[in-house]
Structures are given as C-alpha cells and as structure tokens.
Amino acid sequence: MTLGESLTLCFGKYAKFDGRASRSEYWWFFFFAFLAPLSAWSCYNTTVAGVVSFALLLPMFSVASRRLHDLDKNSWWLLLGAVPIANFVLVYWYCQKGTDGPNQYGT
C-alpha cells in the first residue's frame, strides 16, 4: 500500500471503527498525521498546526482501532495510550503481523 492509497482509505473511513487495517495502512497514515501538523507549524503558525492536529484526531483513532482489530484485539486497548509507558505496548502491537484469514472483526 502506498501513502496515497492509505490516505484515500483512511479518510474514506475516517469515522468507521469496525473492520481491519493493515500495518502499511496504519503506518502510512501515522507518518502523514505526524508530518502534516509539523509542516503546518513550520509554514504557518501553531494555530494552524493545532487545527490540523485536531482534524486528524478522529481518523487516527479510527485507523488505530481497525489496526487493533487486525490483531484480533478489542479497541478498548487504545486506552493504554493514556499511560505513557504503556504506549510501547501499543507500538509493539502495531508492528506485529495481523491475523491470517478472518477473525472476529472481519476478513
């Protein structure tokens, strides 16, 4: 999957929390969600960067939820992000290969 395909898919499903997301879909969108506010801040100001960050918040939660579904884990595991050291668990999971074949969250 390319960056463009990932952006099209993630913005097309920006509020869809069911289904699955591949590793490449998640990481390409994460890369974009990291660089977009950074470039907005460097080109404009912190207000624009804040608006961009806020606009990407829902799609980022959505793709992260779908990524966990690909690993056959519940979306409630996203709450680990509230604990700073536990973020390493989420990053580890996001780097793992998804389950082969269908699981309880789809194909």
Protein backbone atom coordinates (compact mmCIF):
# COMPACT_ATOMS: atom_id res chain seq x y z
CA MET A 1 0.00 0.00 0.00
CA THR A 2 1.28 3.46 -0.85
CA LEU A 3 0.86 6.73 1.03
CA GLY A 4 -1.86 7.90 -1.37
CA GLU A 5 -3.81 4.65 -1.07
CA SER A 6 -3.57 4.81 2.70
CA LEU A 7 -4.78 8.42 2.83
CA THR A 8 -7.68 7.66 0.47
CA LEU A 9 -8.70 4.65 2.52
CA CYS A 10 -8.29 6.30 5.94
CA PHE A 11 -10.12 9.49 5.01
CA GLY A 12 -12.80 7.42 3.30
CA LYS A 13 -13.30 5.52 6.56
CA TYR A 14 -12.48 8.45 8.88
CA ALA A 15 -15.21 7.54 11.38
CA LYS A 16 -15.51 3.81 10.73
CA PHE A 17 -14.29 1.88 13.75
CA ASP A 18 -15.19 -1.61 12.54
CA GLY A 19 -13.19 -3.75 10.18
CA ARG A 20 -9.44 -4.18 9.91
CA ALA A 21 -6.44 -2.09 8.86
CA SER A 22 -3.14 -3.45 7.61
CA ARG A 23 0.25 -2.45 9.00
CA SER A 24 1.06 -0.37 5.95
CA GLU A 25 -2.29 1.43 6.08
CA TYR A 26 -1.73 2.36 9.73
CA TRP A 27 1.93 3.38 9.45
CA TRP A 28 1.50 5.44 6.28
CA PHE A 29 -1.37 7.33 7.90
CA PHE A 30 0.63 7.73 11.12
CA PHE A 31 3.50 9.16 9.06
CA PHE A 32 1.13 11.65 7.42
CA ALA A 33 -0.56 12.55 10.74
CA PHE A 34 2.87 13.25 12.23
CA LEU A 35 4.21 15.34 9.34
CA ALA A 36 1.09 17.34 8.44
CA PRO A 37 0.90 19.36 11.71
CA LEU A 38 4.68 19.71 11.73
CA SER A 39 4.71 21.21 8.25
CA ALA A 40 1.68 23.39 9.07
CA TRP A 41 3.53 24.70 12.11
CA SER A 42 6.72 25.43 10.16
CA CYS A 43 4.87 27.11 7.26
CA TYR A 44 2.14 28.93 9.14
CA ASN A 45 1.73 29.03 12.91
CA THR A 46 0.78 26.96 15.92
CA THR A 47 -2.93 27.72 15.48
CA VAL A 48 -2.99 26.14 12.02
CA ALA A 49 -0.96 23.19 13.30
CA GLY A 50 -3.46 22.75 16.13
CA VAL A 51 -6.40 22.79 13.73
CA VAL A 52 -4.66 20.21 11.50
CA SER A 53 -3.89 18.01 14.52
CA PHE A 54 -7.46 18.22 15.74
CA ALA A 55 -8.81 17.40 12.27
CA LEU A 56 -6.63 14.27 12.12
CA LEU A 57 -7.59 13.06 15.60
CA LEU A 58 -10.74 11.11 14.66
CA PRO A 59 -9.23 9.42 11.58
CA MET A 60 -6.16 8.47 13.64
CA PHE A 61 -8.29 6.85 16.36
CA SER A 62 -10.30 5.10 13.68
CA VAL A 63 -7.31 3.57 11.88
CA ALA A 64 -5.69 2.65 15.22
CA SER A 65 -8.87 0.88 16.24
CA ARG A 66 -9.01 -1.01 12.97
CA ARG A 67 -5.32 -1.89 13.33
CA LEU A 68 -6.03 -3.48 16.72
CA HIS A 69 -8.92 -5.37 15.13
CA ASP A 70 -6.49 -6.78 12.57
CA LEU A 71 -4.54 -8.18 15.53
CA ASP A 72 -7.77 -9.67 16.94
CA LYS A 73 -7.75 -7.22 19.86
CA ASN A 74 -10.55 -5.01 21.15
CA SER A 75 -10.48 -1.25 20.53
CA TRP A 76 -10.58 -0.63 24.26
CA TRP A 77 -6.84 -1.36 24.27
CA LEU A 78 -6.43 2.16 22.83
CA LEU A 79 -6.89 3.39 26.40
CA LEU A 80 -3.34 2.17 27.06
CA GLY A 81 -2.31 5.35 25.25
CA ALA A 82 -3.32 7.30 28.36
CA VAL A 83 -0.45 5.66 30.26
CA PRO A 84 2.86 6.98 28.87
CA ILE A 85 4.97 3.87 29.37
CA ALA A 86 2.19 1.60 28.09
CA ASN A 87 2.40 3.27 24.66
CA PHE A 88 5.30 0.92 23.97
CA VAL A 89 2.86 -2.00 24.15
CA LEU A 90 0.65 -0.36 21.52
CA VAL A 91 3.63 0.36 19.25
CA TYR A 92 4.75 -3.25 19.61
CA TRP A 93 1.29 -4.47 18.66
CA TYR A 94 1.04 -2.06 15.72
CA CYS A 95 4.28 -3.51 14.34
CA GLN A 96 3.01 -7.10 14.52
CA LYS A 97 1.63 -9.01 11.56
CA GLY A 98 -2.16 -9.22 11.59
CA THR A 99 -4.04 -12.45 11.99
CA ASP A 100 -4.19 -14.63 8.90
CA GLY A 101 -7.64 -15.13 7.48
CA PRO A 102 -10.87 -13.94 9.03
CA ASN A 103 -11.15 -13.13 12.71
CA GLN A 104 -14.00 -11.84 14.89
CA TYR A 105 -13.62 -8.35 13.35
CA GLY A 106 -13.85 -9.34 9.69
CA THR A 107 -11.72 -10.53 6.83
